[in-house]
Amino acid sequence: MYKDFPNAVVYLTKELLQLQLTDKLDELKIEAIDFRTADEVYLPQEDNMDVFWAALHEIKDMGSATPTYSKLLTLVTALLALLASNSDSECCFSIVRKINTEERSHLH
């Protein structure tokens, strides 16, 4: 795993302002450090990323119904929702290039 994971988490959170976690950066960094240093025995043993984070959501603080990594899970949920490619925008540019040709601009 990335060795500077806690600082990377803080950086991503600052970039994704709509998460409204910027006022909780210290708590988020502590969660990231706890996650990074957690014994692997207590973490889900899943290869699929979606299943891993869903299982991690089920881990609760002792005596509480709150997930142990609630702020980290908010960030990961936002990151997993991002599109993996820019194919939609590329498709739009391709359509515009087909419509807006040099021949079209010379029509009377």
PDB file of N, CA and C in Angstrom:
ATOM      1  N   MET A   1       0.852  -1.186   0.000  1.00  0.00           N
ATOM      2  CA  MET A   1       0.000   0.000   0.000  1.00  0.00           C
ATOM      3  C   MET A   1       0.894   1.244   0.000  1.00  0.00           C
ATOM      4  N   TYR A   2       0.377   2.304  -0.542  1.00  0.00           N
ATOM      5  CA  TYR A   2       1.085   3.576  -0.666  1.00  0.00           C
ATOM      6  C   TYR A   2       1.607   4.005   0.698  1.00  0.00           C
ATOM      7  N   LYS A   3       2.928   4.304   0.798  1.00  0.00           N
ATOM      8  CA  LYS A   3       3.528   4.566   2.111  1.00  0.00           C
ATOM      9  C   LYS A   3       3.086   5.880   2.743  1.00  0.00           C
ATOM     10  N   ASP A   4       2.727   6.877   1.922  1.00  0.00           N
ATOM     11  CA  ASP A   4       2.283   8.158   2.465  1.00  0.00           C
ATOM     12  C   ASP A   4       0.764   8.276   2.360  1.00  0.00           C
ATOM     13  N   PHE A   5       0.099   7.177   2.612  1.00  0.00           N
ATOM     14  CA  PHE A   5      -1.349   7.071   2.469  1.00  0.00           C
ATOM     15  C   PHE A   5      -2.118   8.166   3.212  1.00  0.00           C
ATOM     16  N   PRO A   6      -1.826   8.445   4.490  1.00  0.00           N
ATOM     17  CA  PRO A   6      -2.606   9.474   5.205  1.00  0.00           C
ATOM     18  C   PRO A   6      -2.546  10.849   4.538  1.00  0.00           C
ATOM     19  N   ASN A   7      -1.385  11.261   4.069  1.00  0.00           N
ATOM     20  CA  ASN A   7      -1.271  12.564   3.411  1.00  0.00           C
ATOM     21  C   ASN A   7      -1.960  12.568   2.049  1.00  0.00           C
ATOM     22  N   ALA A   8      -1.922  11.441   1.353  1.00  0.00           N
ATOM     23  CA  ALA A   8      -2.628  11.334   0.074  1.00  0.00           C
ATOM     24  C   ALA A   8      -4.134  11.454   0.289  1.00  0.00           C
ATOM     25  N   VAL A   9      -4.633  10.861   1.361  1.00  0.00           N
ATOM     26  CA  VAL A   9      -6.060  10.950   1.690  1.00  0.00           C
ATOM     27  C   VAL A   9      -6.450  12.401   1.946  1.00  0.00           C
ATOM     28  N   VAL A  10      -5.640  13.116   2.692  1.00  0.00           N
ATOM     29  CA  VAL A  10      -5.913  14.528   2.981  1.00  0.00           C
ATOM     30  C   VAL A  10      -5.890  15.338   1.690  1.00  0.00           C
ATOM     31  N   TYR A  11      -4.916  15.085   0.818  1.00  0.00           N
ATOM     32  CA  TYR A  11      -4.826  15.799  -0.454  1.00  0.00           C
ATOM     33  C   TYR A  11      -6.082  15.573  -1.302  1.00  0.00           C
ATOM     34  N   LEU A  12      -6.503  14.330  -1.434  1.00  0.00           N
ATOM     35  CA  LEU A  12      -7.704  14.029  -2.222  1.00  0.00           C
ATOM     36  C   LEU A  12      -8.938  14.700  -1.641  1.00  0.00           C
ATOM     37  N   THR A  13      -9.035  14.727  -0.342  1.00  0.00           N
ATOM     38  CA  THR A  13     -10.178  15.356   0.318  1.00  0.00           C
ATOM     39  C   THR A  13     -10.221  16.850   0.028  1.00  0.00           C
ATOM     40  N   LYS A  14      -9.065  17.482   0.028  1.00  0.00           N
ATOM     41  CA  LYS A  14      -9.011  18.913  -0.285  1.00  0.00           C
ATOM     42  C   LYS A  14      -9.430  19.166  -1.729  1.00  0.00           C
ATOM     43  N   GLU A  15      -9.122  18.219  -2.628  1.00  0.00           N
ATOM     44  CA  GLU A  15      -9.489  18.373  -4.032  1.00  0.00           C
ATOM     45  C   GLU A  15     -10.985  18.146  -4.251  1.00  0.00           C
ATOM     46  N   LEU A  16     -11.601  17.342  -3.423  1.00  0.00           N
ATOM     47  CA  LEU A  16     -13.033  17.031  -3.556  1.00  0.00           C
ATOM     48  C   LEU A  16     -13.814  17.804  -2.492  1.00  0.00           C
ATOM     49  N   LEU A  17     -13.915  19.090  -2.677  1.00  0.00           N
ATOM     50  CA  LEU A  17     -14.538  19.964  -1.671  1.00  0.00           C
ATOM     51  C   LEU A  17     -15.996  19.625  -1.410  1.00  0.00           C
ATOM     52  N   GLN A  18     -16.687  19.064  -2.421  1.00  0.00           N
ATOM     53  CA  GLN A  18     -18.107  18.776  -2.246  1.00  0.00           C
ATOM     54  C   GLN A  18     -18.367  17.703  -1.184  1.00  0.00           C
ATOM     55  N   LEU A  19     -17.339  17.007  -0.751  1.00  0.00           N
ATOM     56  CA  LEU A  19     -17.513  16.007   0.308  1.00  0.00           C
ATOM     57  C   LEU A  19     -17.756  16.652   1.666  1.00  0.00           C
ATOM     58  N   GLN A  20     -17.411  17.914   1.791  1.00  0.00           N
ATOM     59  CA  GLN A  20     -17.578  18.675   3.027  1.00  0.00           C
ATOM     60  C   GLN A  20     -16.856  18.010   4.207  1.00  0.00           C
ATOM     61  N   LEU A  21     -15.660  17.533   3.920  1.00  0.00           N
ATOM     62  CA  LEU A  21     -14.840  16.921   4.970  1.00  0.00           C
ATOM     63  C   LEU A  21     -13.628  17.772   5.318  1.00  0.00           C
ATOM     64  N   THR A  22     -13.483  18.932   4.684  1.00  0.00           N
ATOM     65  CA  THR A  22     -12.280  19.730   4.903  1.00  0.00           C
ATOM     66  C   THR A  22     -12.141  20.209   6.344  1.00  0.00           C
ATOM     67  N   ASP A  23     -13.255  20.342   7.057  1.00  0.00           N
ATOM     68  CA  ASP A  23     -13.178  20.749   8.457  1.00  0.00           C
ATOM     69  C   ASP A  23     -12.851  19.564   9.370  1.00  0.00           C
ATOM     70  N   LYS A  24     -12.789  18.355   8.787  1.00  0.00           N
ATOM     71  CA  LYS A  24     -12.501  17.152   9.576  1.00  0.00           C
ATOM     72  C   LYS A  24     -11.225  16.463   9.087  1.00  0.00           C
ATOM     73  N   LEU A  25     -10.291  17.243   8.543  1.00  0.00           N
ATOM     74  CA  LEU A  25      -9.081  16.658   7.973  1.00  0.00           C
ATOM     75  C   LEU A  25      -8.235  15.924   9.005  1.00  0.00           C
ATOM     76  N   ASP A  26      -8.172  16.448  10.221  1.00  0.00           N
ATOM     77  CA  ASP A  26      -7.385  15.783  11.264  1.00  0.00           C
ATOM     78  C   ASP A  26      -7.982  14.416  11.606  1.00  0.00           C
ATOM     79  N   GLU A  27      -9.313  14.372  11.741  1.00  0.00           N
ATOM     80  CA  GLU A  27      -9.985  13.100  12.033  1.00  0.00           C
ATOM     81  C   GLU A  27      -9.802  12.117  10.879  1.00  0.00           C
ATOM     82  N   LEU A  28      -9.885  12.628   9.660  1.00  0.00           N
ATOM     83  CA  LEU A  28      -9.715  11.787   8.477  1.00  0.00           C
ATOM     84  C   LEU A  28      -8.298  11.222   8.419  1.00  0.00           C
ATOM     85  N   LYS A  29      -7.310  12.053   8.738  1.00  0.00           N
ATOM     86  CA  LYS A  29      -5.922  11.596   8.718  1.00  0.00           C
ATOM     87  C   LYS A  29      -5.700  10.527   9.790  1.00  0.00           C
ATOM     88  N   ILE A  30      -6.314  10.694  10.959  1.00  0.00           N
ATOM     89  CA  ILE A  30      -6.204   9.688  12.023  1.00  0.00           C
ATOM     90  C   ILE A  30      -6.828   8.366  11.563  1.00  0.00           C
ATOM     91  N   GLU A  31      -8.002   8.447  10.894  1.00  0.00           N
ATOM     92  CA  GLU A  31      -8.634   7.237  10.355  1.00  0.00           C
ATOM     93  C   GLU A  31      -7.727   6.561   9.331  1.00  0.00           C
ATOM     94  N   ALA A  32      -7.102   7.373   8.471  1.00  0.00           N
ATOM     95  CA  ALA A  32      -6.211   6.821   7.451  1.00  0.00           C
ATOM     96  C   ALA A  32      -5.002   6.142   8.092  1.00  0.00           C
ATOM     97  N   ILE A  33      -4.458   6.740   9.135  1.00  0.00           N
ATOM     98  CA  ILE A  33      -3.322   6.136   9.846  1.00  0.00           C
ATOM     99  C   ILE A  33      -3.770   4.840  10.520  1.00  0.00           C
ATOM    100  N   ASP A  34      -4.950   4.862  11.157  1.00  0.00           N
ATOM    101  CA  ASP A  34      -5.476   3.648  11.795  1.00  0.00           C
ATOM    102  C   ASP A  34      -5.679   2.535  10.763  1.00  0.00           C
ATOM    103  N   PHE A  35      -6.212   2.905   9.604  1.00  0.00           N
ATOM    104  CA  PHE A  35      -6.440   1.924   8.544  1.00  0.00           C
ATOM    105  C   PHE A  35      -5.112   1.360   8.048  1.00  0.00           C
ATOM    106  N   ARG A  36      -4.148   2.241   7.853  1.00  0.00           N
ATOM    107  CA  ARG A  36      -2.835   1.839   7.321  1.00  0.00           C
ATOM    108  C   ARG A  36      -2.108   0.923   8.290  1.00  0.00           C
ATOM    109  N   THR A  37      -2.280   1.158   9.583  1.00  0.00           N
ATOM    110  CA  THR A  37      -1.556   0.374  10.587  1.00  0.00           C
ATOM    111  C   THR A  37      -2.376  -0.778  11.168  1.00  0.00           C
ATOM    112  N   ALA A  38      -3.613  -0.941  10.705  1.00  0.00           N
ATOM    113  CA  ALA A  38      -4.476  -2.003  11.237  1.00  0.00           C
ATOM    114  C   ALA A  38      -3.913  -3.373  10.873  1.00  0.00           C
ATOM    115  N   ASP A  39      -4.101  -4.306  11.783  1.00  0.00           N
ATOM    116  CA  ASP A  39      -3.693  -5.685  11.539  1.00  0.00           C
ATOM    117  C   ASP A  39      -4.585  -6.250  10.433  1.00  0.00           C
ATOM    118  N   GLU A  40      -3.978  -6.843   9.424  1.00  0.00           N
ATOM    119  CA  GLU A  40      -4.736  -7.346   8.276  1.00  0.00           C
ATOM    120  C   GLU A  40      -5.772  -8.403   8.664  1.00  0.00           C
ATOM    121  N   VAL A  41      -5.592  -9.024   9.798  1.00  0.00           N
ATOM    122  CA  VAL A  41      -6.547 -10.037  10.263  1.00  0.00           C
ATOM    123  C   VAL A  41      -7.918  -9.408  10.489  1.00  0.00           C
ATOM    124  N   TYR A  42      -7.946  -8.134  10.905  1.00  0.00           N
ATOM    125  CA  TYR A  42      -9.194  -7.463  11.221  1.00  0.00           C
ATOM    126  C   TYR A  42      -9.835  -6.783  10.011  1.00  0.00           C
ATOM    127  N   LEU A  43      -9.114  -6.747   8.889  1.00  0.00           N
ATOM    128  CA  LEU A  43      -9.640  -6.124   7.683  1.00  0.00           C
ATOM    129  C   LEU A  43     -10.266  -7.183   6.781  1.00  0.00           C
ATOM    130  N   PRO A  44     -11.229  -6.794   5.946  1.00  0.00           N
ATOM    131  CA  PRO A  44     -11.838  -7.769   5.029  1.00  0.00           C
ATOM    132  C   PRO A  44     -10.788  -8.387   4.106  1.00  0.00           C
ATOM    133  N   GLN A  45     -10.947  -9.655   3.814  1.00  0.00           N
ATOM    134  CA  GLN A  45     -10.021 -10.377   2.937  1.00  0.00           C
ATOM    135  C   GLN A  45     -10.659 -10.529   1.560  1.00  0.00           C
ATOM    136  N   GLU A  46     -10.926  -9.429   0.913  1.00  0.00           N
ATOM    137  CA  GLU A  46     -11.590  -9.413  -0.392  1.00  0.00           C
ATOM    138  C   GLU A  46     -10.656  -8.871  -1.455  1.00  0.00           C
ATOM    139  N   ASP A  47     -10.682  -9.456  -2.643  1.00  0.00           N
ATOM    140  CA  ASP A  47      -9.884  -8.956  -3.761  1.00  0.00           C
ATOM    141  C   ASP A  47     -10.637  -7.886  -4.544  1.00  0.00           C
ATOM    142  N   ASN A  48     -11.947  -8.004  -4.605  1.00  0.00           N
ATOM    143  CA  ASN A  48     -12.770  -7.033  -5.328  1.00  0.00           C
ATOM    144  C   ASN A  48     -12.864  -5.753  -4.498  1.00  0.00           C
ATOM    145  N   MET A  49     -12.491  -4.631  -5.096  1.00  0.00           N
ATOM    146  CA  MET A  49     -12.426  -3.370  -4.360  1.00  0.00           C
ATOM    147  C   MET A  49     -13.789  -2.952  -3.806  1.00  0.00           C
ATOM    148  N   ASP A  50     -14.836  -3.083  -4.608  1.00  0.00           N
ATOM    149  CA  ASP A  50     -16.169  -2.696  -4.146  1.00  0.00           C
ATOM    150  C   ASP A  50     -16.605  -3.532  -2.950  1.00  0.00           C
ATOM    151  N   VAL A  51     -16.370  -4.826  -3.036  1.00  0.00           N
ATOM    152  CA  VAL A  51     -16.753  -5.737  -1.948  1.00  0.00           C
ATOM    153  C   VAL A  51     -15.914  -5.449  -0.702  1.00  0.00           C
ATOM    154  N   PHE A  52     -14.612  -5.162  -0.886  1.00  0.00           N
ATOM    155  CA  PHE A  52     -13.733  -4.853   0.240  1.00  0.00           C
ATOM    156  C   PHE A  52     -14.254  -3.649   1.016  1.00  0.00           C
ATOM    157  N   TRP A  53     -14.556  -2.543   0.297  1.00  0.00           N
ATOM    158  CA  TRP A  53     -14.987  -1.327   0.991  1.00  0.00           C
ATOM    159  C   TRP A  53     -16.382  -1.485   1.584  1.00  0.00           C
ATOM    160  N   ALA A  54     -17.239  -2.280   0.947  1.00  0.00           N
ATOM    161  CA  ALA A  54     -18.559  -2.550   1.529  1.00  0.00           C
ATOM    162  C   ALA A  54     -18.407  -3.341   2.827  1.00  0.00           C
ATOM    163  N   ALA A  55     -17.502  -4.308   2.836  1.00  0.00           N
ATOM    164  CA  ALA A  55     -17.257  -5.093   4.051  1.00  0.00           C
ATOM    165  C   ALA A  55     -16.601  -4.233   5.131  1.00  0.00           C
ATOM    166  N   LEU A  56     -15.732  -3.325   4.725  1.00  0.00           N
ATOM    167  CA  LEU A  56     -15.086  -2.433   5.695  1.00  0.00           C
ATOM    168  C   LEU A  56     -16.118  -1.526   6.363  1.00  0.00           C
ATOM    169  N   HIS A  57     -17.166  -1.192   5.625  1.00  0.00           N
ATOM    170  CA  HIS A  57     -18.242  -0.360   6.174  1.00  0.00           C
ATOM    171  C   HIS A  57     -18.956  -1.058   7.333  1.00  0.00           C
ATOM    172  N   GLU A  58     -18.913  -2.376   7.325  1.00  0.00           N
ATOM    173  CA  GLU A  58     -19.584  -3.154   8.374  1.00  0.00           C
ATOM    174  C   GLU A  58     -18.787  -3.196   9.678  1.00  0.00           C
ATOM    175  N   ILE A  59     -17.530  -2.795   9.643  1.00  0.00           N
ATOM    176  CA  ILE A  59     -16.706  -2.779  10.860  1.00  0.00           C
ATOM    177  C   ILE A  59     -17.085  -1.535  11.655  1.00  0.00           C
ATOM    178  N   LYS A  60     -17.580  -1.742  12.864  1.00  0.00           N
ATOM    179  CA  LYS A  60     -18.071  -0.640  13.703  1.00  0.00           C
ATOM    180  C   LYS A  60     -17.160  -0.417  14.899  1.00  0.00           C
ATOM    181  N   ASP A  61     -17.181   0.834  15.402  1.00  0.00           N
ATOM    182  CA  ASP A  61     -16.478   1.130  16.644  1.00  0.00           C
ATOM    183  C   ASP A  61     -17.141   0.361  17.777  1.00  0.00           C
ATOM    184  N   MET A  62     -16.347  -0.038  18.750  1.00  0.00           N
ATOM    185  CA  MET A  62     -16.911  -0.775  19.884  1.00  0.00           C
ATOM    186  C   MET A  62     -17.904   0.101  20.626  1.00  0.00           C
ATOM    187  N   GLY A  63     -19.084  -0.441  20.887  1.00  0.00           N
ATOM    188  CA  GLY A  63     -20.109   0.288  21.620  1.00  0.00           C
ATOM    189  C   GLY A  63     -20.785   1.376  20.807  1.00  0.00           C
ATOM    190  N   SER A  64     -20.646   1.335  19.501  1.00  0.00           N
ATOM    191  CA  SER A  64     -21.233   2.363  18.652  1.00  0.00           C
ATOM    192  C   SER A  64     -21.726   1.724  17.358  1.00  0.00           C
ATOM    193  N   ALA A  65     -22.676   2.376  16.720  1.00  0.00           N
ATOM    194  CA  ALA A  65     -23.177   1.898  15.433  1.00  0.00           C
ATOM    195  C   ALA A  65     -22.467   2.593  14.278  1.00  0.00           C
ATOM    196  N   THR A  66     -21.510   3.465  14.593  1.00  0.00           N
ATOM    197  CA  THR A  66     -20.790   4.221  13.569  1.00  0.00           C
ATOM    198  C   THR A  66     -19.667   3.368  12.985  1.00  0.00           C
ATOM    199  N   PRO A  67     -19.535   3.346  11.660  1.00  0.00           N
ATOM    200  CA  PRO A  67     -18.403   2.617  11.067  1.00  0.00           C
ATOM    201  C   PRO A  67     -17.073   3.198  11.555  1.00  0.00           C
ATOM    202  N   THR A  68     -16.118   2.334  11.784  1.00  0.00           N
ATOM    203  CA  THR A  68     -14.804   2.749  12.275  1.00  0.00           C
ATOM    204  C   THR A  68     -14.143   3.743  11.338  1.00  0.00           C
ATOM    205  N   TYR A  69     -14.302   3.532  10.050  1.00  0.00           N
ATOM    206  CA  TYR A  69     -13.650   4.377   9.043  1.00  0.00           C
ATOM    207  C   TYR A  69     -14.679   5.199   8.275  1.00  0.00           C
ATOM    208  N   SER A  70     -15.591   5.853   8.966  1.00  0.00           N
ATOM    209  CA  SER A  70     -16.703   6.544   8.303  1.00  0.00           C
ATOM    210  C   SER A  70     -16.245   7.662   7.366  1.00  0.00           C
ATOM    211  N   LYS A  71     -15.286   8.458   7.780  1.00  0.00           N
ATOM    212  CA  LYS A  71     -14.821   9.568   6.929  1.00  0.00           C
ATOM    213  C   LYS A  71     -14.014   9.041   5.745  1.00  0.00           C
ATOM    214  N   LEU A  72     -13.200   8.043   5.983  1.00  0.00           N
ATOM    215  CA  LEU A  72     -12.443   7.415   4.907  1.00  0.00           C
ATOM    216  C   LEU A  72     -13.391   6.757   3.903  1.00  0.00           C
ATOM    217  N   LEU A  73     -14.447   6.143   4.397  1.00  0.00           N
ATOM    218  CA  LEU A  73     -15.436   5.521   3.514  1.00  0.00           C
ATOM    219  C   LEU A  73     -16.163   6.554   2.660  1.00  0.00           C
ATOM    220  N   THR A  74     -16.409   7.743   3.205  1.00  0.00           N
ATOM    221  CA  THR A  74     -17.033   8.815   2.426  1.00  0.00           C
ATOM    222  C   THR A  74     -16.137   9.193   1.252  1.00  0.00           C
ATOM    223  N   LEU A  75     -14.838   9.325   1.515  1.00  0.00           N
ATOM    224  CA  LEU A  75     -13.887   9.659   0.454  1.00  0.00           C
ATOM    225  C   LEU A  75     -13.814   8.549  -0.585  1.00  0.00           C
ATOM    226  N   VAL A  76     -13.719   7.317  -0.152  1.00  0.00           N
ATOM    227  CA  VAL A  76     -13.606   6.188  -1.076  1.00  0.00           C
ATOM    228  C   VAL A  76     -14.871   6.052  -1.923  1.00  0.00           C
ATOM    229  N   THR A  77     -16.028   6.262  -1.333  1.00  0.00           N
ATOM    230  CA  THR A  77     -17.278   6.198  -2.089  1.00  0.00           C
ATOM    231  C   THR A  77     -17.276   7.226  -3.218  1.00  0.00           C
ATOM    232  N   ALA A  78     -16.810   8.426  -2.925  1.00  0.00           N
ATOM    233  CA  ALA A  78     -16.732   9.466  -3.958  1.00  0.00           C
ATOM    234  C   ALA A  78     -15.735   9.076  -5.040  1.00  0.00           C
ATOM    235  N   LEU A  79     -14.606   8.514  -4.656  1.00  0.00           N
ATOM    236  CA  LEU A  79     -13.596   8.117  -5.635  1.00  0.00           C
ATOM    237  C   LEU A  79     -14.073   6.960  -6.508  1.00  0.00           C
ATOM    238  N   LEU A  80     -14.786   6.014  -5.919  1.00  0.00           N
ATOM    239  CA  LEU A  80     -15.296   4.886  -6.703  1.00  0.00           C
ATOM    240  C   LEU A  80     -16.400   5.315  -7.669  1.00  0.00           C
ATOM    241  N   ALA A  81     -17.030   6.448  -7.394  1.00  0.00           N
ATOM    242  CA  ALA A  81     -18.098   6.928  -8.270  1.00  0.00           C
ATOM    243  C   ALA A  81     -17.569   7.718  -9.470  1.00  0.00           C
ATOM    244  N   LEU A  82     -16.282   8.082  -9.446  1.00  0.00           N
ATOM    245  CA  LEU A  82     -15.701   8.825 -10.563  1.00  0.00           C
ATOM    246  C   LEU A  82     -15.618   7.932 -11.798  1.00  0.00           C
ATOM    247  N   LEU A  83     -15.831   8.539 -12.952  1.00  0.00           N
ATOM    248  CA  LEU A  83     -15.709   7.792 -14.191  1.00  0.00           C
ATOM    249  C   LEU A  83     -14.260   7.389 -14.415  1.00  0.00           C
ATOM    250  N   ALA A  84     -14.066   6.196 -14.919  1.00  0.00           N
ATOM    251  CA  ALA A  84     -12.716   5.691 -15.141  1.00  0.00           C
ATOM    252  C   ALA A  84     -12.134   6.158 -16.471  1.00  0.00           C
ATOM    253  N   SER A  85     -12.951   6.711 -17.319  1.00  0.00           N
ATOM    254  CA  SER A  85     -12.447   7.175 -18.611  1.00  0.00           C
ATOM    255  C   SER A  85     -13.160   8.449 -19.029  1.00  0.00           C
ATOM    256  N   ASN A  86     -12.682   9.036 -20.090  1.00  0.00           N
ATOM    257  CA  ASN A  86     -13.306  10.236 -20.622  1.00  0.00           C
ATOM    258  C   ASN A  86     -13.968   9.945 -21.964  1.00  0.00           C
ATOM    259  N   SER A  87     -14.403   8.715 -22.158  1.00  0.00           N
ATOM    260  CA  SER A  87     -14.964   8.310 -23.444  1.00  0.00           C
ATOM    261  C   SER A  87     -16.228   9.089 -23.807  1.00  0.00           C
ATOM    262  N   ASP A  88     -17.043   9.459 -22.832  1.00  0.00           N
ATOM    263  CA  ASP A  88     -18.259  10.228 -23.136  1.00  0.00           C
ATOM    264  C   ASP A  88     -17.914  11.574 -23.757  1.00  0.00           C
ATOM    265  N   SER A  89     -16.977  12.284 -23.175  1.00  0.00           N
ATOM    266  CA  SER A  89     -16.609  13.585 -23.725  1.00  0.00           C
ATOM    267  C   SER A  89     -15.908  13.430 -25.074  1.00  0.00           C
ATOM    268  N   GLU A  90     -15.086  12.403 -25.213  1.00  0.00           N
ATOM    269  CA  GLU A  90     -14.421  12.165 -26.498  1.00  0.00           C
ATOM    270  C   GLU A  90     -15.441  11.872 -27.592  1.00  0.00           C
ATOM    271  N   CYS A  91     -16.479  11.157 -27.259  1.00  0.00           N
ATOM    272  CA  CYS A  91     -17.542  10.852 -28.222  1.00  0.00           C
ATOM    273  C   CYS A  91     -18.230  12.145 -28.672  1.00  0.00           C
ATOM    274  N   CYS A  92     -18.497  13.047 -27.745  1.00  0.00           N
ATOM    275  CA  CYS A  92     -19.121  14.330 -28.085  1.00  0.00           C
ATOM    276  C   CYS A  92     -18.232  15.130 -29.031  1.00  0.00           C
ATOM    277  N   PHE A  93     -16.932  15.178 -28.756  1.00  0.00           N
ATOM    278  CA  PHE A  93     -16.007  15.903 -29.640  1.00  0.00           C
ATOM    279  C   PHE A  93     -16.001  15.289 -31.035  1.00  0.00           C
ATOM    280  N   SER A  94     -16.071  13.980 -31.103  1.00  0.00           N
ATOM    281  CA  SER A  94     -16.079  13.297 -32.392  1.00  0.00           C
ATOM    282  C   SER A  94     -17.333  13.659 -33.197  1.00  0.00           C
ATOM    283  N   ILE A  95     -18.465  13.711 -32.523  1.00  0.00           N
ATOM    284  CA  ILE A  95     -19.720  14.080 -33.195  1.00  0.00           C
ATOM    285  C   ILE A  95     -19.647  15.515 -33.702  1.00  0.00           C
ATOM    286  N   VAL A  96     -19.121  16.417 -32.892  1.00  0.00           N
ATOM    287  CA  VAL A  96     -19.000  17.825 -33.300  1.00  0.00           C
ATOM    288  C   VAL A  96     -18.079  17.941 -34.510  1.00  0.00           C
ATOM    289  N   ARG A  97     -16.981  17.187 -34.527  1.00  0.00           N
ATOM    290  CA  ARG A  97     -16.074  17.225 -35.677  1.00  0.00           C
ATOM    291  C   ARG A  97     -16.768  16.754 -36.950  1.00  0.00           C
ATOM    292  N   LYS A  98     -17.673  15.786 -36.832  1.00  0.00           N
ATOM    293  CA  LYS A  98     -18.396  15.297 -38.010  1.00  0.00           C
ATOM    294  C   LYS A  98     -19.411  16.315 -38.506  1.00  0.00           C
ATOM    295  N   ILE A  99     -19.990  17.084 -37.592  1.00  0.00           N
ATOM    296  CA  ILE A  99     -21.002  18.075 -37.968  1.00  0.00           C
ATOM    297  C   ILE A  99     -20.347  19.355 -38.474  1.00  0.00           C
ATOM    298  N   ASN A 100     -19.359  19.837 -37.776  1.00  0.00           N
ATOM    299  CA  ASN A 100     -18.732  21.118 -38.091  1.00  0.00           C
ATOM    300  C   ASN A 100     -17.513  20.885 -38.987  1.00  0.00           C
ATOM    301  N   THR A 101     -17.770  20.630 -40.267  1.00  0.00           N
ATOM    302  CA  THR A 101     -16.688  20.381 -41.224  1.00  0.00           C
ATOM    303  C   THR A 101     -16.371  21.650 -42.004  1.00  0.00           C
ATOM    304  N   GLU A 102     -15.255  21.618 -42.716  1.00  0.00           N
ATOM    305  CA  GLU A 102     -14.877  22.774 -43.536  1.00  0.00           C
ATOM    306  C   GLU A 102     -15.890  22.974 -44.657  1.00  0.00           C
ATOM    307  N   GLU A 103     -16.385  21.893 -45.249  1.00  0.00           N
ATOM    308  CA  GLU A 103     -17.367  22.022 -46.325  1.00  0.00           C
ATOM    309  C   GLU A 103     -18.644  22.709 -45.822  1.00  0.00           C
ATOM    310  N   ARG A 104     -19.050  22.394 -44.622  1.00  0.00           N
ATOM    311  CA  ARG A 104     -20.266  22.978 -44.067  1.00  0.00           C
ATOM    312  C   ARG A 104     -20.130  24.487 -43.903  1.00  0.00           C
ATOM    313  N   SER A 105     -18.971  24.944 -43.525  1.00  0.00           N
ATOM    314  CA  SER A 105     -18.779  26.381 -43.321  1.00  0.00           C
ATOM    315  C   SER A 105     -18.815  27.150 -44.639  1.00  0.00           C
ATOM    316  N   HIS A 106     -18.673  26.475 -45.802  1.00  0.00           N
ATOM    317  CA  HIS A 106     -18.716  27.137 -47.108  1.00  0.00           C
ATOM    318  C   HIS A 106     -20.106  27.097 -47.736  1.00  0.00           C
ATOM    319  N   LEU A 107     -21.080  26.526 -47.075  1.00  0.00           N
ATOM    320  CA  LEU A 107     -22.438  26.469 -47.629  1.00  0.00           C
ATOM    321  C   LEU A 107     -23.071  27.858 -47.642  1.00  0.00           C
ATOM    322  N   HIS A 108     -23.891  28.131 -48.668  1.00  0.00           N
ATOM    323  CA  HIS A 108     -24.547  29.438 -48.765  1.00  0.00           C
ATOM    324  C   HIS A 108     -25.968  29.352 -48.306  1.00  0.00           C
TER     325      HIS A 108
END
